[in-house]
């Protein structure tokens, strides 16, 4: 264990339970092929969701709590929770793992604080790769840290470009047509971030009234071809050509949608509290 607090507590993760949770039965050798399979399985099994913050609950980032919630409790989480859990699994398997932070853009040039967490993963003999399991609408496979590197999965394309000597940007576009416009998702530098750094920013994201994750549910889950989403009471299905089908739910319908579409089951008290908070 890295006693300086710079490690990810990989040795304390119940790896077998985690692999069952994401339905991964492939090779565990630290290769790009393994990394690709793990990230894809993680992204398609564990939803992005902010329900703890939306309900006013604390969002702890210690690995024991994350295992209880996301592995054994079959819940999801948002970027800090996903990144912390995935980093622990990769560390136990022998990958080199460095935490990063990025500034969310979503097509805007507005300078925002670096509040999104992602990983830089070193694969022995196979380079460095960006793994972003906690964006909700990001790439479901690793992208090599090379200017112009692309990835395509779940009906969407992703492009990594170097903007300056220090800054990189991840872009996305619809899979069909192939000539669709690129949208900047987020921009980051390679300055390392550690678990303690994530705890500080996580507190702001989970409690500040201006945070987009306080006060309303935000849930995402990539399926084999489509991206399912829930924002407030709006249930959406985004298809490979960029079209979006949207249906507004009644507040009382949201808990059933969480269970049927995203596999999220809340207890009676949280279900009642969530319905009461919805407009």
C-alpha atoms as a PDB file:
ATOM      1  CA  UNK A   1       0.000   0.000   0.000  1.00  0.00           C
ATOM      2  CA  UNK A   2       1.115   3.551  -0.723  1.00  0.00           C
ATOM      3  CA  UNK A   3       1.096   5.042   2.789  1.00  0.00           C
ATOM      4  CA  UNK A   4       1.590   8.582   1.468  1.00  0.00           C
ATOM      5  CA  UNK A   5      -2.077   8.723   0.442  1.00  0.00           C
ATOM      6  CA  UNK A   6      -1.254   8.794  -3.256  1.00  0.00           C
ATOM      7  CA  UNK A   7      -2.450   5.269  -3.960  1.00  0.00           C
ATOM      8  CA  UNK A   8      -5.966   3.985  -4.595  1.00  0.00           C
ATOM      9  CA  UNK A   9      -6.268   1.242  -1.920  1.00  0.00           C
ATOM     10  CA  UNK A  10      -6.365  -1.397  -4.636  1.00  0.00           C
ATOM     11  CA  UNK A  11      -5.318  -4.174  -2.279  1.00  0.00           C
ATOM     12  CA  UNK A  12      -8.481  -3.678  -0.174  1.00  0.00           C
ATOM     13  CA  UNK A  13     -10.900  -4.045  -3.093  1.00  0.00           C
ATOM     14  CA  UNK A  14     -12.909  -7.264  -3.312  1.00  0.00           C
ATOM     15  CA  UNK A  15     -11.843  -7.803  -6.908  1.00  0.00           C
ATOM     16  CA  UNK A  16     -13.904 -10.949  -7.460  1.00  0.00           C
ATOM     17  CA  UNK A  17     -17.094  -9.165  -6.345  1.00  0.00           C
ATOM     18  CA  UNK A  18     -16.273  -6.155  -8.520  1.00  0.00           C
ATOM     19  CA  UNK A  19     -15.750  -8.342 -11.582  1.00  0.00           C
ATOM     20  CA  UNK A  20     -19.067 -10.083 -10.939  1.00  0.00           C
ATOM     21  CA  UNK A  21     -20.758  -6.691 -10.631  1.00  0.00           C
ATOM     22  CA  UNK A  22     -19.557  -5.627 -14.084  1.00  0.00           C
ATOM     23  CA  UNK A  23     -20.002  -9.135 -15.591  1.00  0.00           C
ATOM     24  CA  UNK A  24     -16.376  -9.303 -16.699  1.00  0.00           C
ATOM     25  CA  UNK A  25     -14.910 -12.773 -17.261  1.00  0.00           C
ATOM     26  CA  UNK A  26     -11.946 -11.923 -19.517  1.00  0.00           C
ATOM     27  CA  UNK A  27      -8.192 -11.919 -19.052  1.00  0.00           C
ATOM     28  CA  UNK A  28      -6.778  -9.973 -16.093  1.00  0.00           C
ATOM     29  CA  UNK A  29      -3.243  -9.444 -17.408  1.00  0.00           C
ATOM     30  CA  UNK A  30      -2.474  -5.691 -17.430  1.00  0.00           C
ATOM     31  CA  UNK A  31      -2.710  -5.155 -21.198  1.00  0.00           C
ATOM     32  CA  UNK A  32      -4.622  -2.700 -23.377  1.00  0.00           C
ATOM     33  CA  UNK A  33      -7.003  -5.481 -24.323  1.00  0.00           C
ATOM     34  CA  UNK A  34      -7.822  -6.094 -20.669  1.00  0.00           C
ATOM     35  CA  UNK A  35      -8.149  -2.384 -19.976  1.00  0.00           C
ATOM     36  CA  UNK A  36     -10.544  -1.988 -22.887  1.00  0.00           C
ATOM     37  CA  UNK A  37     -12.706  -4.880 -21.709  1.00  0.00           C
ATOM     38  CA  UNK A  38     -12.788  -3.668 -18.112  1.00  0.00           C
ATOM     39  CA  UNK A  39     -13.735  -0.095 -18.966  1.00  0.00           C
ATOM     40  CA  UNK A  40     -16.459  -1.163 -21.368  1.00  0.00           C
ATOM     41  CA  UNK A  41     -17.909  -3.615 -18.848  1.00  0.00           C
ATOM     42  CA  UNK A  42     -17.774  -1.047 -16.025  1.00  0.00           C
ATOM     43  CA  UNK A  43     -19.416   1.707 -18.078  1.00  0.00           C
ATOM     44  CA  UNK A  44     -22.260  -0.494 -19.306  1.00  0.00           C
ATOM     45  CA  UNK A  45     -22.960  -2.119 -15.927  1.00  0.00           C
ATOM     46  CA  UNK A  46     -22.676   0.668 -13.343  1.00  0.00           C
ATOM     47  CA  UNK A  47     -24.823   3.732 -14.079  1.00  0.00           C
ATOM     48  CA  UNK A  48     -23.758   7.309 -13.655  1.00  0.00           C
ATOM     49  CA  UNK A  49     -26.071   8.763 -11.007  1.00  0.00           C
ATOM     50  CA  UNK A  50     -26.090  11.568  -8.479  1.00  0.00           C
ATOM     51  CA  UNK A  51     -28.998  10.458  -6.303  1.00  0.00           C
ATOM     52  CA  UNK A  52     -27.134  10.831  -3.002  1.00  0.00           C
ATOM     53  CA  UNK A  53     -26.351  14.484  -3.739  1.00  0.00           C
ATOM     54  CA  UNK A  54     -29.846  15.064  -5.145  1.00  0.00           C
ATOM     55  CA  UNK A  55     -31.332  13.752  -1.889  1.00  0.00           C
ATOM     56  CA  UNK A  56     -29.010  15.803   0.291  1.00  0.00           C
ATOM     57  CA  UNK A  57     -27.007  12.794   1.512  1.00  0.00           C
ATOM     58  CA  UNK A  58     -23.223  12.796   2.021  1.00  0.00           C
ATOM     59  CA  UNK A  59     -21.104  11.308  -0.786  1.00  0.00           C
ATOM     60  CA  UNK A  60     -18.149   9.534   0.901  1.00  0.00           C
ATOM     61  CA  UNK A  61     -15.218   8.483  -1.299  1.00  0.00           C
ATOM     62  CA  UNK A  62     -13.565   5.871   0.914  1.00  0.00           C
ATOM     63  CA  UNK A  63     -13.278   2.549  -0.877  1.00  0.00           C
ATOM     64  CA  UNK A  64     -15.229   0.561   1.731  1.00  0.00           C
ATOM     65  CA  UNK A  65     -18.280   2.794   1.317  1.00  0.00           C
ATOM     66  CA  UNK A  66     -17.994   2.751  -2.467  1.00  0.00           C
ATOM     67  CA  UNK A  67     -17.843  -1.049  -2.510  1.00  0.00           C
ATOM     68  CA  UNK A  68     -20.896  -1.312  -0.272  1.00  0.00           C
ATOM     69  CA  UNK A  69     -22.845   1.063  -2.505  1.00  0.00           C
ATOM     70  CA  UNK A  70     -21.721   0.340  -6.068  1.00  0.00           C
ATOM     71  CA  UNK A  71     -20.606  -3.287  -5.909  1.00  0.00           C
ATOM     72  CA  UNK A  72     -22.680  -4.998  -3.222  1.00  0.00           C
ATOM     73  CA  UNK A  73     -25.554  -2.488  -3.262  1.00  0.00           C
ATOM     74  CA  UNK A  74     -25.759  -2.476  -7.086  1.00  0.00           C
ATOM     75  CA  UNK A  75     -26.042   1.294  -7.194  1.00  0.00           C
ATOM     76  CA  UNK A  76     -24.189   3.761  -9.396  1.00  0.00           C
ATOM     77  CA  UNK A  77     -22.333   6.969  -8.690  1.00  0.00           C
ATOM     78  CA  UNK A  78     -20.927  10.063 -10.291  1.00  0.00           C
ATOM     79  CA  UNK A  79     -17.408  10.786 -11.528  1.00  0.00           C
ATOM     80  CA  UNK A  80     -15.520  10.754  -8.222  1.00  0.00           C
ATOM     81  CA  UNK A  81     -17.135   7.521  -7.119  1.00  0.00           C
ATOM     82  CA  UNK A  82     -16.650   5.762 -10.470  1.00  0.00           C
ATOM     83  CA  UNK A  83     -13.066   6.947 -10.840  1.00  0.00           C
ATOM     84  CA  UNK A  84     -12.099   5.961  -7.292  1.00  0.00           C
ATOM     85  CA  UNK A  85     -13.555   2.454  -7.669  1.00  0.00           C
ATOM     86  CA  UNK A  86     -12.110   1.837 -11.136  1.00  0.00           C
ATOM     87  CA  UNK A  87      -8.686   3.103 -10.055  1.00  0.00           C
ATOM     88  CA  UNK A  88      -8.615   0.611  -7.184  1.00  0.00           C
ATOM     89  CA  UNK A  89      -9.412  -2.280  -9.521  1.00  0.00           C
ATOM     90  CA  UNK A  90      -6.754  -1.251 -12.035  1.00  0.00           C
ATOM     91  CA  UNK A  91      -4.160  -0.733  -9.320  1.00  0.00           C
ATOM     92  CA  UNK A  92      -4.755  -4.223  -7.923  1.00  0.00           C
ATOM     93  CA  UNK A  93      -4.330  -5.692 -11.411  1.00  0.00           C
ATOM     94  CA  UNK A  94      -0.955  -4.026 -11.939  1.00  0.00           C
ATOM     95  CA  UNK A  95      -1.775  -0.997 -14.084  1.00  0.00           C
ATOM     96  CA  UNK A  96      -0.119   2.345 -13.386  1.00  0.00           C
ATOM     97  CA  UNK A  97      -2.882   4.753 -12.329  1.00  0.00           C
ATOM     98  CA  UNK A  98      -2.801   8.550 -12.077  1.00  0.00           C
ATOM     99  CA  UNK A  99      -5.818  10.671 -11.220  1.00  0.00           C
ATOM    100  CA  UNK A 100      -6.565  13.720 -13.365  1.00  0.00           C
ATOM    101  CA  UNK A 101      -9.067  16.584 -13.252  1.00  0.00           C
ATOM    102  CA  UNK A 102     -10.804  18.277 -16.166  1.00  0.00           C
ATOM    103  CA  UNK A 103     -12.937  21.307 -16.922  1.00  0.00           C
ATOM    104  CA  UNK A 104     -16.333  20.381 -18.329  1.00  0.00           C
ATOM    105  CA  UNK A 105     -17.148  22.210 -21.572  1.00  0.00           C
ATOM    106  CA  UNK A 106     -20.116  20.517 -23.269  1.00  0.00           C
ATOM    107  CA  UNK A 107     -19.617  22.771 -26.282  1.00  0.00           C
ATOM    108  CA  UNK A 108     -19.043  25.977 -24.299  1.00  0.00           C
ATOM    109  CA  UNK A 109     -15.884  28.104 -24.167  1.00  0.00           C
ATOM    110  CA  UNK A 110     -16.760  29.322 -20.677  1.00  0.00           C
ATOM    111  CA  UNK A 111     -13.938  28.674 -18.223  1.00  0.00           C
ATOM    112  CA  UNK A 112     -15.211  26.380 -15.495  1.00  0.00           C
ATOM    113  CA  UNK A 113     -13.454  24.924 -12.483  1.00  0.00           C
ATOM    114  CA  UNK A 114     -11.772  21.535 -12.905  1.00  0.00           C
ATOM    115  CA  UNK A 115     -14.497  19.467 -11.270  1.00  0.00           C
ATOM    116  CA  UNK A 116     -14.501  16.262 -13.327  1.00  0.00           C
ATOM    117  CA  UNK A 117     -12.355  13.243 -12.401  1.00  0.00           C
ATOM    118  CA  UNK A 118     -10.749  10.831 -14.865  1.00  0.00           C
ATOM    119  CA  UNK A 119      -7.674   8.587 -15.060  1.00  0.00           C
ATOM    120  CA  UNK A 120      -4.389   8.361 -16.906  1.00  0.00           C
ATOM    121  CA  UNK A 121      -3.470   4.665 -17.072  1.00  0.00           C
ATOM    122  CA  UNK A 122      -0.025   3.328 -17.951  1.00  0.00           C
ATOM    123  CA  UNK A 123      -0.017  -0.091 -19.574  1.00  0.00           C
ATOM    124  CA  UNK A 124       3.348  -1.867 -19.401  1.00  0.00           C
ATOM    125  CA  UNK A 125       4.897  -1.700 -22.861  1.00  0.00           C
ATOM    126  CA  UNK A 126       1.712  -0.303 -24.476  1.00  0.00           C
ATOM    127  CA  UNK A 127       1.713   3.391 -23.671  1.00  0.00           C
ATOM    128  CA  UNK A 128      -0.546   5.736 -21.708  1.00  0.00           C
ATOM    129  CA  UNK A 129      -4.321   5.780 -22.007  1.00  0.00           C
ATOM    130  CA  UNK A 130      -7.155   8.052 -20.880  1.00  0.00           C
ATOM    131  CA  UNK A 131      -9.928   6.197 -19.029  1.00  0.00           C
ATOM    132  CA  UNK A 132     -13.082   8.161 -18.278  1.00  0.00           C
ATOM    133  CA  UNK A 133     -15.654   5.912 -16.605  1.00  0.00           C
ATOM    134  CA  UNK A 134     -17.492   8.666 -14.734  1.00  0.00           C
ATOM    135  CA  UNK A 135     -18.623  11.256 -17.275  1.00  0.00           C
ATOM    136  CA  UNK A 136     -21.953   9.649 -18.039  1.00  0.00           C
ATOM    137  CA  UNK A 137     -21.774  10.592 -21.712  1.00  0.00           C
ATOM    138  CA  UNK A 138     -18.092   9.852 -22.308  1.00  0.00           C
ATOM    139  CA  UNK A 139     -16.120   7.168 -24.086  1.00  0.00           C
ATOM    140  CA  UNK A 140     -16.750   3.628 -22.890  1.00  0.00           C
ATOM    141  CA  UNK A 141     -13.298   2.487 -24.025  1.00  0.00           C
ATOM    142  CA  UNK A 142      -9.835   3.871 -23.239  1.00  0.00           C
ATOM    143  CA  UNK A 143      -8.264   6.342 -25.681  1.00  0.00           C
ATOM    144  CA  UNK A 144      -4.505   6.431 -26.147  1.00  0.00           C
ATOM    145  CA  UNK A 145      -2.874   9.670 -25.033  1.00  0.00           C
ATOM    146  CA  UNK A 146      -1.879  10.637 -28.566  1.00  0.00           C
ATOM    147  CA  UNK A 147      -2.969  13.729 -30.506  1.00  0.00           C
ATOM    148  CA  UNK A 148      -5.711  12.720 -32.921  1.00  0.00           C
ATOM    149  CA  UNK A 149      -6.509   9.388 -31.272  1.00  0.00           C
ATOM    150  CA  UNK A 150     -10.112   8.271 -31.861  1.00  0.00           C
ATOM    151  CA  UNK A 151     -12.518   5.759 -30.374  1.00  0.00           C
ATOM    152  CA  UNK A 152     -15.958   4.599 -31.486  1.00  0.00           C
ATOM    153  CA  UNK A 153     -18.437   2.727 -29.342  1.00  0.00           C
ATOM    154  CA  UNK A 154     -22.145   2.718 -28.494  1.00  0.00           C
ATOM    155  CA  UNK A 155     -22.993   4.650 -31.648  1.00  0.00           C
ATOM    156  CA  UNK A 156     -20.708   7.582 -30.814  1.00  0.00           C
ATOM    157  CA  UNK A 157     -17.234   8.706 -31.824  1.00  0.00           C
ATOM    158  CA  UNK A 158     -14.620  10.305 -29.585  1.00  0.00           C
ATOM    159  CA  UNK A 159     -11.524  12.318 -30.480  1.00  0.00           C
ATOM    160  CA  UNK A 160      -8.604  13.300 -28.253  1.00  0.00           C
ATOM    161  CA  UNK A 161      -6.630  16.373 -29.266  1.00  0.00           C
ATOM    162  CA  UNK A 162      -3.770  18.317 -27.751  1.00  0.00           C
ATOM    163  CA  UNK A 163      -4.595  22.022 -27.518  1.00  0.00           C
ATOM    164  CA  UNK A 164      -1.370  23.345 -25.967  1.00  0.00           C
ATOM    165  CA  UNK A 165       1.779  21.945 -24.390  1.00  0.00           C
ATOM    166  CA  UNK A 166      -0.245  21.329 -21.215  1.00  0.00           C
ATOM    167  CA  UNK A 167      -3.916  20.995 -22.208  1.00  0.00           C
ATOM    168  CA  UNK A 168      -5.865  18.216 -23.931  1.00  0.00           C
ATOM    169  CA  UNK A 169      -9.518  18.108 -24.976  1.00  0.00           C
ATOM    170  CA  UNK A 170     -11.892  15.175 -25.450  1.00  0.00           C
ATOM    171  CA  UNK A 171     -14.524  15.649 -28.164  1.00  0.00           C
ATOM    172  CA  UNK A 172     -17.514  13.582 -29.245  1.00  0.00           C
ATOM    173  CA  UNK A 173     -19.749  13.334 -32.316  1.00  0.00           C
ATOM    174  CA  UNK A 174     -22.662  11.174 -33.444  1.00  0.00           C
ATOM    175  CA  UNK A 175     -21.701   7.880 -35.032  1.00  0.00           C
ATOM    176  CA  UNK A 176     -24.066   8.432 -37.964  1.00  0.00           C
ATOM    177  CA  UNK A 177     -23.447  10.356 -40.107  1.00  0.00           C
ATOM    178  CA  UNK A 178     -19.685  10.078 -39.737  1.00  0.00           C
ATOM    179  CA  UNK A 179     -19.265  13.723 -40.704  1.00  0.00           C
ATOM    180  CA  UNK A 180     -21.206  15.089 -37.717  1.00  0.00           C
ATOM    181  CA  UNK A 181     -19.801  18.084 -35.841  1.00  0.00           C
ATOM    182  CA  UNK A 182     -17.434  17.510 -32.930  1.00  0.00           C
ATOM    183  CA  UNK A 183     -18.538  18.721 -29.482  1.00  0.00           C
ATOM    184  CA  UNK A 184     -15.963  19.526 -26.792  1.00  0.00           C
ATOM    185  CA  UNK A 185     -16.819  17.425 -23.720  1.00  0.00           C
ATOM    186  CA  UNK A 186     -14.057  18.420 -21.329  1.00  0.00           C
ATOM    187  CA  UNK A 187     -10.456  19.636 -21.255  1.00  0.00           C
ATOM    188  CA  UNK A 188      -7.705  18.500 -18.905  1.00  0.00           C
ATOM    189  CA  UNK A 189      -4.010  18.666 -18.098  1.00  0.00           C
ATOM    190  CA  UNK A 190      -1.748  15.857 -16.921  1.00  0.00           C
ATOM    191  CA  UNK A 191      -1.169  17.361 -13.474  1.00  0.00           C
ATOM    192  CA  UNK A 192      -1.704  14.439 -11.070  1.00  0.00           C
ATOM    193  CA  UNK A 193      -4.601  14.407  -8.642  1.00  0.00           C
ATOM    194  CA  UNK A 194      -4.808  12.216  -5.559  1.00  0.00           C
ATOM    195  CA  UNK A 195      -7.723  10.834  -3.514  1.00  0.00           C
ATOM    196  CA  UNK A 196      -7.406  13.763  -1.087  1.00  0.00           C
ATOM    197  CA  UNK A 197      -7.845  16.223  -3.963  1.00  0.00           C
ATOM    198  CA  UNK A 198     -11.019  14.491  -5.060  1.00  0.00           C
ATOM    199  CA  UNK A 199     -12.472  14.677  -1.545  1.00  0.00           C
ATOM    200  CA  UNK A 200     -12.202  18.486  -1.576  1.00  0.00           C
ATOM    201  CA  UNK A 201     -13.863  19.044  -4.973  1.00  0.00           C
ATOM    202  CA  UNK A 202     -16.409  16.297  -4.284  1.00  0.00           C
ATOM    203  CA  UNK A 203     -17.632  18.273  -1.272  1.00  0.00           C
ATOM    204  CA  UNK A 204     -18.393  21.280  -3.477  1.00  0.00           C
ATOM    205  CA  UNK A 205     -20.050  19.212  -6.206  1.00  0.00           C
ATOM    206  CA  UNK A 206     -22.264  17.321  -3.750  1.00  0.00           C
ATOM    207  CA  UNK A 207     -23.326  20.256  -1.552  1.00  0.00           C
ATOM    208  CA  UNK A 208     -23.072  23.661  -3.245  1.00  0.00           C
ATOM    209  CA  UNK A 209     -26.434  25.047  -4.412  1.00  0.00           C
ATOM    210  CA  UNK A 210     -24.900  26.020  -7.776  1.00  0.00           C
ATOM    211  CA  UNK A 211     -23.751  22.467  -8.459  1.00  0.00           C
ATOM    212  CA  UNK A 212     -25.632  20.792 -11.337  1.00  0.00           C
ATOM    213  CA  UNK A 213     -25.873  17.655  -9.201  1.00  0.00           C
ATOM    214  CA  UNK A 214     -27.706  19.165  -6.243  1.00  0.00           C
ATOM    215  CA  UNK A 215     -31.496  19.203  -6.220  1.00  0.00           C
ATOM    216  CA  UNK A 216     -32.367  17.019  -9.215  1.00  0.00           C
ATOM    217  CA  UNK A 217     -31.506  13.495 -10.364  1.00  0.00           C
ATOM    218  CA  UNK A 218     -29.042  13.101 -13.224  1.00  0.00           C
ATOM    219  CA  UNK A 219     -28.634   9.509 -14.442  1.00  0.00           C
ATOM    220  CA  UNK A 220     -26.905   8.061 -17.518  1.00  0.00           C
ATOM    221  CA  UNK A 221     -26.273   4.540 -18.795  1.00  0.00           C
ATOM    222  CA  UNK A 222     -24.827   3.577 -22.206  1.00  0.00           C
ATOM    223  CA  UNK A 223     -26.525   0.592 -23.783  1.00  0.00           C
ATOM    224  CA  UNK A 224     -25.141  -1.445 -26.715  1.00  0.00           C
ATOM    225  CA  UNK A 225     -26.319   1.183 -29.216  1.00  0.00           C
ATOM    226  CA  UNK A 226     -28.031   3.988 -27.308  1.00  0.00           C
ATOM    227  CA  UNK A 227     -27.458   6.251 -24.329  1.00  0.00           C
ATOM    228  CA  UNK A 228     -30.218   6.297 -21.723  1.00  0.00           C
ATOM    229  CA  UNK A 229     -30.611   9.407 -19.613  1.00  0.00           C
ATOM    230  CA  UNK A 230     -32.736  10.894 -16.870  1.00  0.00           C
ATOM    231  CA  UNK A 231     -32.507  14.570 -15.886  1.00  0.00           C
ATOM    232  CA  UNK A 232     -35.137  15.662 -13.413  1.00  0.00           C
ATOM    233  CA  UNK A 233     -38.274  14.032 -14.807  1.00  0.00           C
ATOM    234  CA  UNK A 234     -37.102  13.924 -18.449  1.00  0.00           C
ATOM    235  CA  UNK A 235     -36.310  10.387 -19.624  1.00  0.00           C
ATOM    236  CA  UNK A 236     -34.266  10.340 -22.837  1.00  0.00           C
ATOM    237  CA  UNK A 237     -32.873   7.886 -25.357  1.00  0.00           C
ATOM    238  CA  UNK A 238     -29.999   9.198 -27.517  1.00  0.00           C
ATOM    239  CA  UNK A 239     -29.414   7.262 -30.743  1.00  0.00           C
ATOM    240  CA  UNK A 240     -26.280   6.889 -32.916  1.00  0.00           C
ATOM    241  CA  UNK A 241     -27.446   9.547 -35.392  1.00  0.00           C
ATOM    242  CA  UNK A 242     -27.680  12.114 -32.600  1.00  0.00           C
ATOM    243  CA  UNK A 243     -31.476  12.125 -32.383  1.00  0.00           C
ATOM    244  CA  UNK A 244     -33.010  12.151 -28.931  1.00  0.00           C
ATOM    245  CA  UNK A 245     -36.360  10.762 -27.845  1.00  0.00           C
ATOM    246  CA  UNK A 246     -37.657  12.430 -24.687  1.00  0.00           C
ATOM    247  CA  UNK A 247     -40.573  11.633 -22.421  1.00  0.00           C
ATOM    248  CA  UNK A 248     -41.561  13.705 -19.406  1.00  0.00           C
ATOM    249  CA  UNK A 249     -42.486  11.540 -16.445  1.00  0.00           C
ATOM    250  CA  UNK A 250     -44.757  12.254 -13.559  1.00  0.00           C
ATOM    251  CA  UNK A 251     -42.725  12.418 -10.331  1.00  0.00           C
ATOM    252  CA  UNK A 252     -44.309   9.180  -9.109  1.00  0.00           C
ATOM    253  CA  UNK A 253     -43.087   7.409 -12.281  1.00  0.00           C
ATOM    254  CA  UNK A 254     -39.419   8.241 -11.732  1.00  0.00           C
ATOM    255  CA  UNK A 255     -38.584   5.472  -9.202  1.00  0.00           C
ATOM    256  CA  UNK A 256     -39.931   2.793 -11.564  1.00  0.00           C
ATOM    257  CA  UNK A 257     -37.918   4.277 -14.453  1.00  0.00           C
ATOM    258  CA  UNK A 258     -34.799   4.214 -12.294  1.00  0.00           C
ATOM    259  CA  UNK A 259     -35.340   0.511 -11.651  1.00  0.00           C
ATOM    260  CA  UNK A 260     -36.499  -0.588 -15.105  1.00  0.00           C
ATOM    261  CA  UNK A 261     -34.056   1.435 -17.232  1.00  0.00           C
ATOM    262  CA  UNK A 262     -31.027   1.901 -14.980  1.00  0.00           C
ATOM    263  CA  UNK A 263     -31.270  -0.980 -12.495  1.00  0.00           C
ATOM    264  CA  UNK A 264     -31.332   1.411  -9.514  1.00  0.00           C
ATOM    265  CA  UNK A 265     -33.544   0.432  -6.582  1.00  0.00           C
ATOM    266  CA  UNK A 266     -34.003   2.956  -3.810  1.00  0.00           C
ATOM    267  CA  UNK A 267     -35.321   2.184  -0.355  1.00  0.00           C
ATOM    268  CA  UNK A 268     -38.803   3.373   0.671  1.00  0.00           C
ATOM    269  CA  UNK A 269     -37.579   6.482   2.504  1.00  0.00           C
ATOM    270  CA  UNK A 270     -35.340   7.649  -0.353  1.00  0.00           C
ATOM    271  CA  UNK A 271     -38.043   6.880  -2.908  1.00  0.00           C
ATOM    272  CA  UNK A 272     -40.536   9.071  -1.055  1.00  0.00           C
ATOM    273  CA  UNK A 273     -37.962  11.833  -0.576  1.00  0.00           C
ATOM    274  CA  UNK A 274     -37.001  11.802  -4.255  1.00  0.00           C
ATOM    275  CA  UNK A 275     -40.600  11.995  -5.483  1.00  0.00           C
ATOM    276  CA  UNK A 276     -41.265  14.860  -3.079  1.00  0.00           C
ATOM    277  CA  UNK A 277     -38.289  16.832  -4.463  1.00  0.00           C
ATOM    278  CA  UNK A 278     -39.283  16.494  -8.101  1.00  0.00           C
ATOM    279  CA  UNK A 279     -41.267  19.354  -9.671  1.00  0.00           C
END
